[in-house]
């Protein structure tokens, strides 16, 4: 397979932690250029990459096939649009765009240009979510009636960063919400309706830092929650079926490992702490049994392995543009539901 030359737009947390370390351990990719003001950080991490300060230096480079957009969310649309029009394949960090309309336009441009467009919903490859998918596939979690996910953090002080400022695509709903909405849609498809409370709880908060929403699927109710003032966490996942329940604490450790400078280079990558293995309770008549379920190893690397196969072999994308757009449609509905204090029907 010929090496895929890559350009990265932005080298903040996303570019330096969630993308570059994965690309550097895969032979299928070579990071050629990075557009950023963080020159010294790129030189430290990617000595062979050229630092540029204008998007034209990447869109105008015929050698670059793939561009990773990791700039602030409000810039995703214009940056991805420029790259797609230049004939580049594009991966956009989540959230895809600030509005579903922007996402639809990018999808159309990609189709017209004959290039690939994907969204980096990496938490489909968290160890907990992979374990849940395995249990469903094996029939150990079936006829689900309640699927509940909490993504709480303890960050009581508002920080000076773009994610916590007023602007397009900022706030917890776009940031953390994108992850758990995408997971739910991946499992269950688009819901019939959305009911949500979206607000700010912290003193001096400029944007959303709390949400609680229900995605309605008839009998199945999907409850997604996140807050920023949770000093202690309850279960991350609570899933209940007709004859089984799965309760899981803790969170996948790949983010912490990447932040610490580790890379996915051995078979232990993405392994869960056994203390956080989930528990599956099954009921058969009067017999109730609870067993500990070892977690499947997480693998963010899988996303980029699949991207390489999509570009070189024509295989299906790991996350499609339409899937990214659907996440934004749910966010739009949640905001509208909260503002109008009513349930919003989702057009199918």
C-alpha atoms as a PDB file:
ATOM      1  CA  UNK A   1       0.000   0.000   0.000  1.00  0.00           C
ATOM      2  CA  UNK A   2       1.379   3.389  -1.012  1.00  0.00           C
ATOM      3  CA  UNK A   3       1.818   5.683   1.963  1.00  0.00           C
ATOM      4  CA  UNK A   4      -1.004   8.198   2.406  1.00  0.00           C
ATOM      5  CA  UNK A   5       0.404  11.694   2.813  1.00  0.00           C
ATOM      6  CA  UNK A   6      -1.480  13.612   5.510  1.00  0.00           C
ATOM      7  CA  UNK A   7      -2.002  17.257   6.388  1.00  0.00           C
ATOM      8  CA  UNK A   8      -3.312  18.233   9.815  1.00  0.00           C
ATOM      9  CA  UNK A   9      -5.174  21.476  10.449  1.00  0.00           C
ATOM     10  CA  UNK A  10      -4.593  22.484  14.051  1.00  0.00           C
ATOM     11  CA  UNK A  11      -2.301  21.054  16.716  1.00  0.00           C
ATOM     12  CA  UNK A  12      -4.124  21.628  19.972  1.00  0.00           C
ATOM     13  CA  UNK A  13      -5.438  18.852  22.201  1.00  0.00           C
ATOM     14  CA  UNK A  14      -7.225  17.066  19.367  1.00  0.00           C
ATOM     15  CA  UNK A  15      -4.454  17.124  16.792  1.00  0.00           C
ATOM     16  CA  UNK A  16      -1.588  16.404  19.165  1.00  0.00           C
ATOM     17  CA  UNK A  17      -3.302  13.792  21.369  1.00  0.00           C
ATOM     18  CA  UNK A  18      -6.084  12.073  19.439  1.00  0.00           C
ATOM     19  CA  UNK A  19      -4.755  12.015  15.877  1.00  0.00           C
ATOM     20  CA  UNK A  20      -1.000  12.445  15.423  1.00  0.00           C
ATOM     21  CA  UNK A  21       0.035   9.660  17.859  1.00  0.00           C
ATOM     22  CA  UNK A  22      -2.192   7.163  16.046  1.00  0.00           C
ATOM     23  CA  UNK A  23      -1.037   8.146  12.580  1.00  0.00           C
ATOM     24  CA  UNK A  24       2.629   7.920  13.544  1.00  0.00           C
ATOM     25  CA  UNK A  25       2.392   4.228  14.497  1.00  0.00           C
ATOM     26  CA  UNK A  26       0.643   3.196  11.277  1.00  0.00           C
ATOM     27  CA  UNK A  27       2.807   2.545   8.227  1.00  0.00           C
ATOM     28  CA  UNK A  28      -0.107   3.475   5.962  1.00  0.00           C
ATOM     29  CA  UNK A  29       0.258   7.192   6.826  1.00  0.00           C
ATOM     30  CA  UNK A  30       2.891   9.907   6.839  1.00  0.00           C
ATOM     31  CA  UNK A  31       2.194  13.346   8.317  1.00  0.00           C
ATOM     32  CA  UNK A  32       3.653  15.790   5.812  1.00  0.00           C
ATOM     33  CA  UNK A  33       2.375  19.171   6.996  1.00  0.00           C
ATOM     34  CA  UNK A  34       0.698  20.673  10.048  1.00  0.00           C
ATOM     35  CA  UNK A  35      -1.044  24.050  10.008  1.00  0.00           C
ATOM     36  CA  UNK A  36      -0.557  25.559  13.459  1.00  0.00           C
ATOM     37  CA  UNK A  37       1.102  28.294  15.472  1.00  0.00           C
ATOM     38  CA  UNK A  38       2.540  25.642  17.820  1.00  0.00           C
ATOM     39  CA  UNK A  39       5.738  25.197  15.847  1.00  0.00           C
ATOM     40  CA  UNK A  40       7.915  23.900  18.676  1.00  0.00           C
ATOM     41  CA  UNK A  41       5.395  21.242  19.692  1.00  0.00           C
ATOM     42  CA  UNK A  42       5.212  19.909  16.145  1.00  0.00           C
ATOM     43  CA  UNK A  43       9.019  19.891  15.841  1.00  0.00           C
ATOM     44  CA  UNK A  44       9.183  17.909  19.088  1.00  0.00           C
ATOM     45  CA  UNK A  45       6.515  15.374  18.166  1.00  0.00           C
ATOM     46  CA  UNK A  46       6.781  15.219  14.371  1.00  0.00           C
ATOM     47  CA  UNK A  47      10.316  16.213  13.334  1.00  0.00           C
ATOM     48  CA  UNK A  48       9.720  15.253   9.698  1.00  0.00           C
ATOM     49  CA  UNK A  49       6.562  17.351   9.325  1.00  0.00           C
ATOM     50  CA  UNK A  50       6.583  20.848   7.880  1.00  0.00           C
ATOM     51  CA  UNK A  51       4.804  23.535   9.908  1.00  0.00           C
ATOM     52  CA  UNK A  52       2.703  25.902   7.819  1.00  0.00           C
ATOM     53  CA  UNK A  53       0.479  28.825   8.741  1.00  0.00           C
ATOM     54  CA  UNK A  54      -1.928  29.000   5.808  1.00  0.00           C
ATOM     55  CA  UNK A  55      -4.473  26.396   4.751  1.00  0.00           C
ATOM     56  CA  UNK A  56      -3.466  26.982   1.138  1.00  0.00           C
ATOM     57  CA  UNK A  57      -0.106  25.366   1.859  1.00  0.00           C
ATOM     58  CA  UNK A  58      -2.010  22.138   2.485  1.00  0.00           C
ATOM     59  CA  UNK A  59      -4.903  22.367   0.020  1.00  0.00           C
ATOM     60  CA  UNK A  60      -2.464  23.406  -2.709  1.00  0.00           C
ATOM     61  CA  UNK A  61      -0.047  20.528  -2.119  1.00  0.00           C
ATOM     62  CA  UNK A  62      -0.790  17.802  -4.705  1.00  0.00           C
ATOM     63  CA  UNK A  63       1.069  15.186  -2.643  1.00  0.00           C
ATOM     64  CA  UNK A  64      -1.343  15.434   0.285  1.00  0.00           C
ATOM     65  CA  UNK A  65      -4.284  13.046  -0.073  1.00  0.00           C
ATOM     66  CA  UNK A  66      -5.893  13.246   3.371  1.00  0.00           C
ATOM     67  CA  UNK A  67      -6.520  16.267   5.582  1.00  0.00           C
ATOM     68  CA  UNK A  68      -7.446  15.950   9.263  1.00  0.00           C
ATOM     69  CA  UNK A  69      -9.483  18.950  10.483  1.00  0.00           C
ATOM     70  CA  UNK A  70      -8.829  19.476  14.212  1.00  0.00           C
ATOM     71  CA  UNK A  71      -9.382  23.227  14.420  1.00  0.00           C
ATOM     72  CA  UNK A  72     -12.061  24.666  16.772  1.00  0.00           C
ATOM     73  CA  UNK A  73     -15.550  23.356  16.004  1.00  0.00           C
ATOM     74  CA  UNK A  74     -16.813  26.638  14.585  1.00  0.00           C
ATOM     75  CA  UNK A  75     -14.122  26.435  11.881  1.00  0.00           C
ATOM     76  CA  UNK A  76     -14.783  22.842  10.792  1.00  0.00           C
ATOM     77  CA  UNK A  77     -17.203  23.810   8.046  1.00  0.00           C
ATOM     78  CA  UNK A  78     -15.031  26.354   6.255  1.00  0.00           C
ATOM     79  CA  UNK A  79     -11.818  24.367   6.644  1.00  0.00           C
ATOM     80  CA  UNK A  80     -13.338  21.066   5.514  1.00  0.00           C
ATOM     81  CA  UNK A  81     -15.050  22.817   2.614  1.00  0.00           C
ATOM     82  CA  UNK A  82     -11.750  24.250   1.369  1.00  0.00           C
ATOM     83  CA  UNK A  83     -10.069  20.854   1.583  1.00  0.00           C
ATOM     84  CA  UNK A  84     -12.888  18.987  -0.155  1.00  0.00           C
ATOM     85  CA  UNK A  85     -12.992  21.536  -2.984  1.00  0.00           C
ATOM     86  CA  UNK A  86      -9.258  20.980  -3.388  1.00  0.00           C
ATOM     87  CA  UNK A  87      -9.934  17.281  -3.978  1.00  0.00           C
ATOM     88  CA  UNK A  88      -8.658  16.022  -0.623  1.00  0.00           C
ATOM     89  CA  UNK A  89     -10.125  13.220   1.465  1.00  0.00           C
ATOM     90  CA  UNK A  90     -11.161  14.699   4.818  1.00  0.00           C
ATOM     91  CA  UNK A  91     -11.518  13.512   8.395  1.00  0.00           C
ATOM     92  CA  UNK A  92     -13.264  16.017  10.662  1.00  0.00           C
ATOM     93  CA  UNK A  93     -12.856  15.902  14.421  1.00  0.00           C
ATOM     94  CA  UNK A  94     -16.225  15.662  16.148  1.00  0.00           C
ATOM     95  CA  UNK A  95     -18.558  17.514  16.255  1.00  0.00           C
ATOM     96  CA  UNK A  96     -18.734  17.470  12.472  1.00  0.00           C
ATOM     97  CA  UNK A  97     -20.159  20.986  12.112  1.00  0.00           C
ATOM     98  CA  UNK A  98     -22.186  23.509  14.102  1.00  0.00           C
ATOM     99  CA  UNK A  99     -25.363  22.825  12.084  1.00  0.00           C
ATOM    100  CA  UNK A 100     -26.789  19.914  10.147  1.00  0.00           C
ATOM    101  CA  UNK A 101     -27.141  22.166   7.082  1.00  0.00           C
ATOM    102  CA  UNK A 102     -23.384  22.755   7.039  1.00  0.00           C
ATOM    103  CA  UNK A 103     -22.800  19.019   7.302  1.00  0.00           C
ATOM    104  CA  UNK A 104     -25.170  18.323   4.400  1.00  0.00           C
ATOM    105  CA  UNK A 105     -23.323  20.809   2.219  1.00  0.00           C
ATOM    106  CA  UNK A 106     -19.964  19.192   2.995  1.00  0.00           C
ATOM    107  CA  UNK A 107     -21.386  15.767   2.193  1.00  0.00           C
ATOM    108  CA  UNK A 108     -22.652  17.026  -1.156  1.00  0.00           C
ATOM    109  CA  UNK A 109     -19.297  18.607  -2.021  1.00  0.00           C
ATOM    110  CA  UNK A 110     -17.481  15.359  -1.159  1.00  0.00           C
ATOM    111  CA  UNK A 111     -19.804  13.409  -3.436  1.00  0.00           C
ATOM    112  CA  UNK A 112     -19.345  15.920  -6.261  1.00  0.00           C
ATOM    113  CA  UNK A 113     -15.556  15.831  -5.894  1.00  0.00           C
ATOM    114  CA  UNK A 114     -15.405  12.051  -5.594  1.00  0.00           C
ATOM    115  CA  UNK A 115     -13.529  12.165  -2.278  1.00  0.00           C
ATOM    116  CA  UNK A 116     -14.120  10.599   1.121  1.00  0.00           C
ATOM    117  CA  UNK A 117     -15.522  12.477   4.124  1.00  0.00           C
ATOM    118  CA  UNK A 118     -15.558  10.955   7.602  1.00  0.00           C
ATOM    119  CA  UNK A 119     -16.056  12.160  11.182  1.00  0.00           C
ATOM    120  CA  UNK A 120     -13.765  11.111  14.037  1.00  0.00           C
ATOM    121  CA  UNK A 121     -16.224   9.546  16.471  1.00  0.00           C
ATOM    122  CA  UNK A 122     -13.444   7.624  18.166  1.00  0.00           C
ATOM    123  CA  UNK A 123     -15.441   6.540  21.219  1.00  0.00           C
ATOM    124  CA  UNK A 124     -17.124   3.840  19.176  1.00  0.00           C
ATOM    125  CA  UNK A 125     -13.814   2.090  19.910  1.00  0.00           C
ATOM    126  CA  UNK A 126     -13.893   2.575  23.703  1.00  0.00           C
ATOM    127  CA  UNK A 127     -13.488  -0.697  25.605  1.00  0.00           C
ATOM    128  CA  UNK A 128     -16.836  -0.311  27.388  1.00  0.00           C
ATOM    129  CA  UNK A 129     -18.819   0.372  24.212  1.00  0.00           C
ATOM    130  CA  UNK A 130     -17.113  -2.483  22.336  1.00  0.00           C
ATOM    131  CA  UNK A 131     -18.026  -4.769  25.224  1.00  0.00           C
ATOM    132  CA  UNK A 132     -21.675  -3.677  25.073  1.00  0.00           C
ATOM    133  CA  UNK A 133     -21.778  -4.316  21.330  1.00  0.00           C
ATOM    134  CA  UNK A 134     -20.312  -7.793  21.915  1.00  0.00           C
ATOM    135  CA  UNK A 135     -22.952  -8.609  24.539  1.00  0.00           C
ATOM    136  CA  UNK A 136     -25.721  -7.480  22.206  1.00  0.00           C
ATOM    137  CA  UNK A 137     -24.265  -9.462  19.295  1.00  0.00           C
ATOM    138  CA  UNK A 138     -24.033 -12.572  21.469  1.00  0.00           C
ATOM    139  CA  UNK A 139     -27.666 -12.189  22.568  1.00  0.00           C
ATOM    140  CA  UNK A 140     -26.744 -11.643  26.215  1.00  0.00           C
ATOM    141  CA  UNK A 141     -28.321  -8.177  26.130  1.00  0.00           C
ATOM    142  CA  UNK A 142     -31.560  -8.352  24.160  1.00  0.00           C
ATOM    143  CA  UNK A 143     -34.975  -6.729  24.015  1.00  0.00           C
ATOM    144  CA  UNK A 144     -33.437  -3.598  25.569  1.00  0.00           C
ATOM    145  CA  UNK A 145     -35.933  -1.191  27.130  1.00  0.00           C
ATOM    146  CA  UNK A 146     -33.602   1.299  28.859  1.00  0.00           C
ATOM    147  CA  UNK A 147     -30.139   2.428  27.764  1.00  0.00           C
ATOM    148  CA  UNK A 148     -28.598   5.072  30.016  1.00  0.00           C
ATOM    149  CA  UNK A 149     -25.181   6.737  29.716  1.00  0.00           C
ATOM    150  CA  UNK A 150     -23.615   9.348  32.009  1.00  0.00           C
ATOM    151  CA  UNK A 151     -20.586  11.406  31.026  1.00  0.00           C
ATOM    152  CA  UNK A 152     -20.009  13.467  34.152  1.00  0.00           C
ATOM    153  CA  UNK A 153     -16.847  15.365  34.986  1.00  0.00           C
ATOM    154  CA  UNK A 154     -15.683  17.516  37.869  1.00  0.00           C
ATOM    155  CA  UNK A 155     -14.590  20.810  36.337  1.00  0.00           C
ATOM    156  CA  UNK A 156     -16.366  23.394  38.502  1.00  0.00           C
ATOM    157  CA  UNK A 157     -14.284  26.333  37.279  1.00  0.00           C
ATOM    158  CA  UNK A 158     -14.778  27.742  33.795  1.00  0.00           C
ATOM    159  CA  UNK A 159     -11.509  27.635  31.878  1.00  0.00           C
ATOM    160  CA  UNK A 160     -10.076  30.050  29.337  1.00  0.00           C
ATOM    161  CA  UNK A 161     -10.418  27.882  26.258  1.00  0.00           C
ATOM    162  CA  UNK A 162     -12.524  28.016  23.124  1.00  0.00           C
ATOM    163  CA  UNK A 163     -14.684  25.026  24.097  1.00  0.00           C
ATOM    164  CA  UNK A 164     -16.052  27.006  27.048  1.00  0.00           C
ATOM    165  CA  UNK A 165     -16.624  30.267  25.196  1.00  0.00           C
ATOM    166  CA  UNK A 166     -19.747  31.370  23.384  1.00  0.00           C
ATOM    167  CA  UNK A 167     -19.527  30.368  19.752  1.00  0.00           C
ATOM    168  CA  UNK A 168     -20.556  27.896  17.103  1.00  0.00           C
ATOM    169  CA  UNK A 169     -20.198  24.282  18.197  1.00  0.00           C
ATOM    170  CA  UNK A 170     -18.930  24.973  21.717  1.00  0.00           C
ATOM    171  CA  UNK A 171     -20.085  23.592  25.049  1.00  0.00           C
ATOM    172  CA  UNK A 172     -20.579  20.170  26.597  1.00  0.00           C
ATOM    173  CA  UNK A 173     -23.443  19.107  24.343  1.00  0.00           C
ATOM    174  CA  UNK A 174     -21.291  19.406  21.212  1.00  0.00           C
ATOM    175  CA  UNK A 175     -18.137  18.163  22.955  1.00  0.00           C
ATOM    176  CA  UNK A 176     -19.057  15.198  25.153  1.00  0.00           C
ATOM    177  CA  UNK A 177     -22.589  14.868  23.863  1.00  0.00           C
ATOM    178  CA  UNK A 178     -21.389  14.086  20.346  1.00  0.00           C
ATOM    179  CA  UNK A 179     -19.702  10.931  21.622  1.00  0.00           C
ATOM    180  CA  UNK A 180     -22.590   9.327  23.451  1.00  0.00           C
ATOM    181  CA  UNK A 181     -25.183  10.438  20.893  1.00  0.00           C
ATOM    182  CA  UNK A 182     -23.125   8.783  18.154  1.00  0.00           C
ATOM    183  CA  UNK A 183     -22.849   5.582  20.183  1.00  0.00           C
ATOM    184  CA  UNK A 184     -26.625   5.468  20.691  1.00  0.00           C
ATOM    185  CA  UNK A 185     -27.356   6.106  17.015  1.00  0.00           C
ATOM    186  CA  UNK A 186     -24.824   3.448  16.042  1.00  0.00           C
ATOM    187  CA  UNK A 187     -26.717   0.908  18.149  1.00  0.00           C
ATOM    188  CA  UNK A 188     -30.317   1.919  17.592  1.00  0.00           C
ATOM    189  CA  UNK A 189     -30.538   4.269  14.586  1.00  0.00           C
ATOM    190  CA  UNK A 190     -32.400   7.574  14.600  1.00  0.00           C
ATOM    191  CA  UNK A 191     -35.047   7.982  17.329  1.00  0.00           C
ATOM    192  CA  UNK A 192     -38.652   8.984  16.836  1.00  0.00           C
ATOM    193  CA  UNK A 193     -38.309  12.045  19.073  1.00  0.00           C
ATOM    194  CA  UNK A 194     -36.034  13.897  21.532  1.00  0.00           C
ATOM    195  CA  UNK A 195     -36.793  15.516  24.892  1.00  0.00           C
ATOM    196  CA  UNK A 196     -33.970  17.477  26.518  1.00  0.00           C
ATOM    197  CA  UNK A 197     -32.862  19.915  29.176  1.00  0.00           C
ATOM    198  CA  UNK A 198     -29.774  21.831  28.067  1.00  0.00           C
ATOM    199  CA  UNK A 199     -28.338  24.496  30.361  1.00  0.00           C
ATOM    200  CA  UNK A 200     -25.348  25.974  32.193  1.00  0.00           C
ATOM    201  CA  UNK A 201     -24.832  25.246  35.890  1.00  0.00           C
ATOM    202  CA  UNK A 202     -21.420  26.689  36.692  1.00  0.00           C
ATOM    203  CA  UNK A 203     -20.863  30.236  37.852  1.00  0.00           C
ATOM    204  CA  UNK A 204     -19.769  32.488  34.951  1.00  0.00           C
ATOM    205  CA  UNK A 205     -20.415  29.746  32.388  1.00  0.00           C
ATOM    206  CA  UNK A 206     -20.687  31.161  28.867  1.00  0.00           C
ATOM    207  CA  UNK A 207     -21.950  28.039  27.175  1.00  0.00           C
ATOM    208  CA  UNK A 208     -23.701  24.738  27.897  1.00  0.00           C
ATOM    209  CA  UNK A 209     -22.095  22.608  30.605  1.00  0.00           C
ATOM    210  CA  UNK A 210     -25.034  20.298  31.436  1.00  0.00           C
ATOM    211  CA  UNK A 211     -27.532  18.281  29.452  1.00  0.00           C
ATOM    212  CA  UNK A 212     -30.027  15.532  30.102  1.00  0.00           C
ATOM    213  CA  UNK A 213     -31.884  14.089  27.150  1.00  0.00           C
ATOM    214  CA  UNK A 214     -34.104  11.188  26.238  1.00  0.00           C
ATOM    215  CA  UNK A 215     -34.168   9.684  22.770  1.00  0.00           C
ATOM    216  CA  UNK A 216     -37.538   8.018  22.241  1.00  0.00           C
ATOM    217  CA  UNK A 217     -37.722   4.718  20.332  1.00  0.00           C
ATOM    218  CA  UNK A 218     -41.141   3.543  21.440  1.00  0.00           C
ATOM    219  CA  UNK A 219     -40.620   1.083  24.313  1.00  0.00           C
ATOM    220  CA  UNK A 220     -36.865   1.699  24.234  1.00  0.00           C
ATOM    221  CA  UNK A 221     -35.790   4.858  26.049  1.00  0.00           C
ATOM    222  CA  UNK A 222     -32.226   6.114  25.594  1.00  0.00           C
ATOM    223  CA  UNK A 223     -31.141   8.499  28.368  1.00  0.00           C
ATOM    224  CA  UNK A 224     -27.973  10.539  27.814  1.00  0.00           C
ATOM    225  CA  UNK A 225     -26.574  12.790  30.518  1.00  0.00           C
ATOM    226  CA  UNK A 226     -23.503  14.937  31.176  1.00  0.00           C
ATOM    227  CA  UNK A 227     -22.584  17.493  33.812  1.00  0.00           C
ATOM    228  CA  UNK A 228     -19.487  19.407  34.845  1.00  0.00           C
ATOM    229  CA  UNK A 229     -19.901  19.504  38.645  1.00  0.00           C
ATOM    230  CA  UNK A 230     -19.885  15.832  39.600  1.00  0.00           C
ATOM    231  CA  UNK A 231     -17.334  15.169  42.359  1.00  0.00           C
ATOM    232  CA  UNK A 232     -18.123  11.438  42.222  1.00  0.00           C
ATOM    233  CA  UNK A 233     -19.442   9.295  39.392  1.00  0.00           C
ATOM    234  CA  UNK A 234     -22.134   6.655  39.354  1.00  0.00           C
ATOM    235  CA  UNK A 235     -22.363   3.992  36.645  1.00  0.00           C
ATOM    236  CA  UNK A 236     -21.302   5.115  33.186  1.00  0.00           C
ATOM    237  CA  UNK A 237     -23.641   2.624  31.496  1.00  0.00           C
ATOM    238  CA  UNK A 238     -26.887   1.141  32.774  1.00  0.00           C
ATOM    239  CA  UNK A 239     -28.591  -1.083  30.210  1.00  0.00           C
ATOM    240  CA  UNK A 240     -31.730  -3.038  30.969  1.00  0.00           C
ATOM    241  CA  UNK A 241     -33.410  -5.671  28.814  1.00  0.00           C
ATOM    242  CA  UNK A 242     -36.351  -7.977  29.363  1.00  0.00           C
ATOM    243  CA  UNK A 243     -34.219 -10.599  31.153  1.00  0.00           C
ATOM    244  CA  UNK A 244     -30.824  -8.953  31.618  1.00  0.00           C
ATOM    245  CA  UNK A 245     -29.041  -5.857  32.884  1.00  0.00           C
ATOM    246  CA  UNK A 246     -25.491  -4.617  32.345  1.00  0.00           C
ATOM    247  CA  UNK A 247     -23.942  -2.086  34.747  1.00  0.00           C
ATOM    248  CA  UNK A 248     -20.531  -0.588  33.989  1.00  0.00           C
ATOM    249  CA  UNK A 249     -18.441   1.910  35.969  1.00  0.00           C
ATOM    250  CA  UNK A 250     -15.298   3.739  34.891  1.00  0.00           C
ATOM    251  CA  UNK A 251     -14.213   5.147  31.552  1.00  0.00           C
ATOM    252  CA  UNK A 252     -11.937   3.892  28.785  1.00  0.00           C
ATOM    253  CA  UNK A 253      -8.322   4.838  29.525  1.00  0.00           C
ATOM    254  CA  UNK A 254      -7.063   5.507  25.997  1.00  0.00           C
ATOM    255  CA  UNK A 255      -7.470   9.271  26.340  1.00  0.00           C
ATOM    256  CA  UNK A 256      -5.427   9.386  29.555  1.00  0.00           C
ATOM    257  CA  UNK A 257      -2.760   7.164  28.013  1.00  0.00           C
ATOM    258  CA  UNK A 258      -2.474   9.367  24.924  1.00  0.00           C
ATOM    259  CA  UNK A 259      -2.334  12.507  27.069  1.00  0.00           C
ATOM    260  CA  UNK A 260       0.526  10.893  28.994  1.00  0.00           C
ATOM    261  CA  UNK A 261       2.462  10.435  25.755  1.00  0.00           C
ATOM    262  CA  UNK A 262       1.856   6.714  25.344  1.00  0.00           C
ATOM    263  CA  UNK A 263       1.148   5.155  21.959  1.00  0.00           C
ATOM    264  CA  UNK A 264      -0.815   2.060  20.897  1.00  0.00           C
ATOM    265  CA  UNK A 265       2.119  -0.194  20.113  1.00  0.00           C
ATOM    266  CA  UNK A 266       1.326  -3.423  21.998  1.00  0.00           C
ATOM    267  CA  UNK A 267      -1.520  -5.830  22.704  1.00  0.00           C
ATOM    268  CA  UNK A 268      -2.219  -4.288  26.117  1.00  0.00           C
ATOM    269  CA  UNK A 269      -3.380  -1.020  24.572  1.00  0.00           C
ATOM    270  CA  UNK A 270      -6.958  -0.155  25.498  1.00  0.00           C
ATOM    271  CA  UNK A 271      -7.183  -2.790  28.232  1.00  0.00           C
ATOM    272  CA  UNK A 272      -9.642  -1.966  30.994  1.00  0.00           C
ATOM    273  CA  UNK A 273      -8.829  -1.925  34.705  1.00  0.00           C
ATOM    274  CA  UNK A 274     -10.341  -5.182  36.032  1.00  0.00           C
ATOM    275  CA  UNK A 275     -11.775  -3.175  38.928  1.00  0.00           C
ATOM    276  CA  UNK A 276     -14.071  -1.526  36.370  1.00  0.00           C
ATOM    277  CA  UNK A 277     -15.237  -4.624  34.520  1.00  0.00           C
ATOM    278  CA  UNK A 278     -19.003  -4.505  34.090  1.00  0.00           C
ATOM    279  CA  UNK A 279     -21.520  -6.840  35.653  1.00  0.00           C
ATOM    280  CA  UNK A 280     -24.172  -8.695  33.696  1.00  0.00           C
ATOM    281  CA  UNK A 281     -27.244  -9.884  35.585  1.00  0.00           C
ATOM    282  CA  UNK A 282     -29.541 -12.375  33.873  1.00  0.00           C
ATOM    283  CA  UNK A 283     -32.905 -13.708  35.018  1.00  0.00           C
ATOM    284  CA  UNK A 284     -34.369 -17.071  33.942  1.00  0.00           C
ATOM    285  CA  UNK A 285     -37.547 -17.851  35.835  1.00  0.00           C
ATOM    286  CA  UNK A 286     -36.654 -17.766  39.519  1.00  0.00           C
ATOM    287  CA  UNK A 287     -32.941 -18.033  38.778  1.00  0.00           C
ATOM    288  CA  UNK A 288     -30.959 -14.748  38.920  1.00  0.00           C
ATOM    289  CA  UNK A 289     -27.240 -14.769  38.131  1.00  0.00           C
ATOM    290  CA  UNK A 290     -24.670 -11.946  38.146  1.00  0.00           C
ATOM    291  CA  UNK A 291     -21.311 -12.382  36.418  1.00  0.00           C
ATOM    292  CA  UNK A 292     -18.348 -10.100  35.818  1.00  0.00           C
ATOM    293  CA  UNK A 293     -17.685  -9.427  32.139  1.00  0.00           C
ATOM    294  CA  UNK A 294     -14.040  -8.742  31.145  1.00  0.00           C
ATOM    295  CA  UNK A 295     -13.921  -5.726  28.848  1.00  0.00           C
ATOM    296  CA  UNK A 296     -12.901  -5.944  25.207  1.00  0.00           C
ATOM    297  CA  UNK A 297      -9.734  -3.917  24.623  1.00  0.00           C
ATOM    298  CA  UNK A 298     -10.376  -0.436  23.255  1.00  0.00           C
ATOM    299  CA  UNK A 299      -8.779   0.519  19.936  1.00  0.00           C
ATOM    300  CA  UNK A 300      -8.808   4.065  18.559  1.00  0.00           C
ATOM    301  CA  UNK A 301      -6.216   2.799  16.098  1.00  0.00           C
ATOM    302  CA  UNK A 302      -8.979   0.806  14.383  1.00  0.00           C
ATOM    303  CA  UNK A 303     -10.533   4.009  13.082  1.00  0.00           C
ATOM    304  CA  UNK A 304      -7.458   4.991  11.076  1.00  0.00           C
ATOM    305  CA  UNK A 305      -6.789   1.442   9.936  1.00  0.00           C
ATOM    306  CA  UNK A 306     -10.269   1.505   8.424  1.00  0.00           C
ATOM    307  CA  UNK A 307      -9.678   4.962   6.917  1.00  0.00           C
ATOM    308  CA  UNK A 308      -6.584   3.612   5.153  1.00  0.00           C
ATOM    309  CA  UNK A 309      -8.591   0.682   3.803  1.00  0.00           C
ATOM    310  CA  UNK A 310     -11.318   3.066   2.630  1.00  0.00           C
ATOM    311  CA  UNK A 311      -8.832   5.216   0.713  1.00  0.00           C
ATOM    312  CA  UNK A 312      -6.720   2.418  -0.756  1.00  0.00           C
ATOM    313  CA  UNK A 313      -9.138  -0.525  -1.022  1.00  0.00           C
ATOM    314  CA  UNK A 314     -12.485   1.223  -1.414  1.00  0.00           C
ATOM    315  CA  UNK A 315     -13.838  -0.310   1.790  1.00  0.00           C
ATOM    316  CA  UNK A 316     -16.662   1.291   3.753  1.00  0.00           C
ATOM    317  CA  UNK A 317     -15.781   4.284   5.931  1.00  0.00           C
ATOM    318  CA  UNK A 318     -15.626   3.648   9.691  1.00  0.00           C
ATOM    319  CA  UNK A 319     -17.919   6.659  10.210  1.00  0.00           C
ATOM    320  CA  UNK A 320     -19.826   8.212   7.320  1.00  0.00           C
ATOM    321  CA  UNK A 321     -20.680  11.860   6.738  1.00  0.00           C
ATOM    322  CA  UNK A 322     -24.369  11.000   7.126  1.00  0.00           C
ATOM    323  CA  UNK A 323     -23.699   9.525  10.564  1.00  0.00           C
ATOM    324  CA  UNK A 324     -21.874  12.704  11.573  1.00  0.00           C
ATOM    325  CA  UNK A 325     -24.778  14.810  10.319  1.00  0.00           C
ATOM    326  CA  UNK A 326     -27.297  12.717  12.270  1.00  0.00           C
ATOM    327  CA  UNK A 327     -25.446  13.493  15.503  1.00  0.00           C
ATOM    328  CA  UNK A 328     -25.823  17.209  14.777  1.00  0.00           C
ATOM    329  CA  UNK A 329     -29.516  16.700  13.973  1.00  0.00           C
ATOM    330  CA  UNK A 330     -29.992  15.241  17.452  1.00  0.00           C
ATOM    331  CA  UNK A 331     -28.060  18.126  19.030  1.00  0.00           C
ATOM    332  CA  UNK A 332     -30.231  20.623  17.120  1.00  0.00           C
ATOM    333  CA  UNK A 333     -33.362  18.831  18.349  1.00  0.00           C
ATOM    334  CA  UNK A 334     -32.095  18.749  21.943  1.00  0.00           C
ATOM    335  CA  UNK A 335     -31.433  22.496  21.961  1.00  0.00           C
ATOM    336  CA  UNK A 336     -34.855  23.186  20.447  1.00  0.00           C
ATOM    337  CA  UNK A 337     -36.546  20.872  22.951  1.00  0.00           C
ATOM    338  CA  UNK A 338     -34.880  22.652  25.861  1.00  0.00           C
ATOM    339  CA  UNK A 339     -35.675  26.125  24.553  1.00  0.00           C
ATOM    340  CA  UNK A 340     -39.311  25.340  23.739  1.00  0.00           C
ATOM    341  CA  UNK A 341     -39.833  22.945  26.675  1.00  0.00           C
ATOM    342  CA  UNK A 342     -41.390  20.249  24.520  1.00  0.00           C
ATOM    343  CA  UNK A 343     -40.582  16.974  22.813  1.00  0.00           C
ATOM    344  CA  UNK A 344     -39.238  17.362  19.274  1.00  0.00           C
ATOM    345  CA  UNK A 345     -40.226  14.840  16.609  1.00  0.00           C
ATOM    346  CA  UNK A 346     -37.380  13.665  14.359  1.00  0.00           C
ATOM    347  CA  UNK A 347     -38.149  13.539  10.662  1.00  0.00           C
ATOM    348  CA  UNK A 348     -37.223  10.124   9.289  1.00  0.00           C
END
